[in-house]
Amino acid sequence: MAATYTRPRSASVCHAPIVTVHDASAHSLAFLGSVYGTPTVPLGIDGFGQSGTLDDLYNATGIGVDDIVAAAYLALDPSEDDA
């Protein structure tokens, strides 16, 4: 029996919010919201010069696990649409 391929739904079809995380400037991926017409929460590093472990640096610069989870909740919060 031949396998069937179902095309996955893209963000532009779902209008799902996007959270971007980049180990560089937060603005570098912020354009994706305009491309897909959906809210975007860009996370990135806008300050440089710190040293430490990756976990410590990511937490200090706002791209740690807790920050990503908080951004996802923010992106899904319907009350933000009214602001």
C-alpha atoms as a PDB file:
ATOM      1  CA  MET A   1       0.000   0.000   0.000  1.00  0.00           C
ATOM      2  CA  ALA A   2       1.372   3.379  -0.978  1.00  0.00           C
ATOM      3  CA  ALA A   3       2.113   5.850   1.790  1.00  0.00           C
ATOM      4  CA  THR A   4       0.177   9.081   1.664  1.00  0.00           C
ATOM      5  CA  TYR A   5       1.756  12.409   2.442  1.00  0.00           C
ATOM      6  CA  THR A   6      -0.178  15.024   4.330  1.00  0.00           C
ATOM      7  CA  ARG A   7       1.326  18.459   4.092  1.00  0.00           C
ATOM      8  CA  PRO A   8       1.837  19.965   7.554  1.00  0.00           C
ATOM      9  CA  ARG A   9      -0.048  23.134   8.326  1.00  0.00           C
ATOM     10  CA  SER A  10       2.222  26.130   8.193  1.00  0.00           C
ATOM     11  CA  ALA A  11       2.223  29.063  10.608  1.00  0.00           C
ATOM     12  CA  SER A  12       0.700  31.239   7.882  1.00  0.00           C
ATOM     13  CA  VAL A  13      -2.319  28.927   7.696  1.00  0.00           C
ATOM     14  CA  CYS A  14      -2.723  28.540  11.453  1.00  0.00           C
ATOM     15  CA  HIS A  15      -1.791  32.108  12.371  1.00  0.00           C
ATOM     16  CA  ALA A  16      -0.018  30.614  15.362  1.00  0.00           C
ATOM     17  CA  PRO A  17       2.171  33.007  17.332  1.00  0.00           C
ATOM     18  CA  ILE A  18       5.912  32.656  16.917  1.00  0.00           C
ATOM     19  CA  VAL A  19       8.602  32.724  19.608  1.00  0.00           C
ATOM     20  CA  THR A  20      12.079  33.188  18.166  1.00  0.00           C
ATOM     21  CA  VAL A  21      15.213  32.448  20.187  1.00  0.00           C
ATOM     22  CA  HIS A  22      18.584  33.448  18.821  1.00  0.00           C
ATOM     23  CA  ASP A  23      22.019  33.453  20.432  1.00  0.00           C
ATOM     24  CA  ALA A  24      22.488  36.905  18.888  1.00  0.00           C
ATOM     25  CA  SER A  25      20.397  40.065  18.475  1.00  0.00           C
ATOM     26  CA  ALA A  26      16.699  39.584  19.220  1.00  0.00           C
ATOM     27  CA  HIS A  27      15.802  41.755  16.232  1.00  0.00           C
ATOM     28  CA  SER A  28      17.423  39.434  13.696  1.00  0.00           C
ATOM     29  CA  LEU A  29      14.398  37.070  13.586  1.00  0.00           C
ATOM     30  CA  ALA A  30      11.641  39.536  14.547  1.00  0.00           C
ATOM     31  CA  PHE A  31      10.633  39.954  10.881  1.00  0.00           C
ATOM     32  CA  LEU A  32       9.042  36.484  10.860  1.00  0.00           C
ATOM     33  CA  GLY A  33       5.847  37.878  12.387  1.00  0.00           C
ATOM     34  CA  SER A  34       5.439  40.160   9.376  1.00  0.00           C
ATOM     35  CA  VAL A  35       6.158  37.336   6.955  1.00  0.00           C
ATOM     36  CA  TYR A  36       3.491  35.076   8.464  1.00  0.00           C
ATOM     37  CA  GLY A  37       1.101  37.780   9.701  1.00  0.00           C
ATOM     38  CA  THR A  38       1.150  36.548  13.269  1.00  0.00           C
ATOM     39  CA  PRO A  39       2.256  37.879  16.657  1.00  0.00           C
ATOM     40  CA  THR A  40       5.934  37.335  17.396  1.00  0.00           C
ATOM     41  CA  VAL A  41       7.921  37.393  20.628  1.00  0.00           C
ATOM     42  CA  PRO A  42      11.603  37.705  19.694  1.00  0.00           C
ATOM     43  CA  LEU A  43      14.200  36.676  22.277  1.00  0.00           C
ATOM     44  CA  GLY A  44      17.907  37.263  21.867  1.00  0.00           C
ATOM     45  CA  ILE A  45      21.060  38.695  23.332  1.00  0.00           C
ATOM     46  CA  ASP A  46      21.386  42.467  23.145  1.00  0.00           C
ATOM     47  CA  GLY A  47      24.335  42.840  25.543  1.00  0.00           C
ATOM     48  CA  PHE A  48      27.757  41.271  25.310  1.00  0.00           C
ATOM     49  CA  GLY A  49      30.855  40.814  27.437  1.00  0.00           C
ATOM     50  CA  GLN A  50      29.686  38.372  30.111  1.00  0.00           C
ATOM     51  CA  SER A  51      31.393  35.090  30.849  1.00  0.00           C
ATOM     52  CA  GLY A  52      30.163  31.906  32.479  1.00  0.00           C
ATOM     53  CA  THR A  53      28.488  28.613  31.686  1.00  0.00           C
ATOM     54  CA  LEU A  54      25.966  28.498  28.846  1.00  0.00           C
ATOM     55  CA  ASP A  55      23.068  28.031  31.278  1.00  0.00           C
ATOM     56  CA  ASP A  56      24.190  31.002  33.374  1.00  0.00           C
ATOM     57  CA  LEU A  57      24.696  33.199  30.322  1.00  0.00           C
ATOM     58  CA  TYR A  58      21.383  32.256  28.749  1.00  0.00           C
ATOM     59  CA  ASN A  59      19.546  32.962  32.005  1.00  0.00           C
ATOM     60  CA  ALA A  60      21.389  36.275  32.475  1.00  0.00           C
ATOM     61  CA  THR A  61      20.604  37.438  28.938  1.00  0.00           C
ATOM     62  CA  GLY A  62      16.962  36.395  28.842  1.00  0.00           C
ATOM     63  CA  ILE A  63      17.076  33.326  26.622  1.00  0.00           C
ATOM     64  CA  GLY A  64      17.043  30.616  29.275  1.00  0.00           C
ATOM     65  CA  VAL A  65      14.414  27.892  29.510  1.00  0.00           C
ATOM     66  CA  ASP A  66      12.210  29.911  31.892  1.00  0.00           C
ATOM     67  CA  ASP A  67      12.378  32.927  29.574  1.00  0.00           C
ATOM     68  CA  ILE A  68      11.367  30.837  26.560  1.00  0.00           C
ATOM     69  CA  VAL A  69       8.424  29.326  28.437  1.00  0.00           C
ATOM     70  CA  ALA A  70       7.318  32.787  29.626  1.00  0.00           C
ATOM     71  CA  ALA A  71       7.540  34.098  26.048  1.00  0.00           C
ATOM     72  CA  ALA A  72       5.395  31.211  24.813  1.00  0.00           C
ATOM     73  CA  TYR A  73       2.735  31.970  27.415  1.00  0.00           C
ATOM     74  CA  LEU A  74       2.912  35.660  26.486  1.00  0.00           C
ATOM     75  CA  ALA A  75       2.492  34.817  22.796  1.00  0.00           C
ATOM     76  CA  LEU A  76      -0.570  32.683  23.543  1.00  0.00           C
ATOM     77  CA  ASP A  77      -2.199  35.198  25.907  1.00  0.00           C
ATOM     78  CA  PRO A  78      -5.357  36.467  24.184  1.00  0.00           C
ATOM     79  CA  SER A  79      -5.454  39.587  26.389  1.00  0.00           C
ATOM     80  CA  GLU A  80      -2.307  40.821  24.619  1.00  0.00           C
ATOM     81  CA  ASP A  81      -4.364  41.232  21.427  1.00  0.00           C
ATOM     82  CA  ASP A  82      -6.401  43.950  23.101  1.00  0.00           C
ATOM     83  CA  ALA A  83      -3.372  45.976  24.231  1.00  0.00           C
END
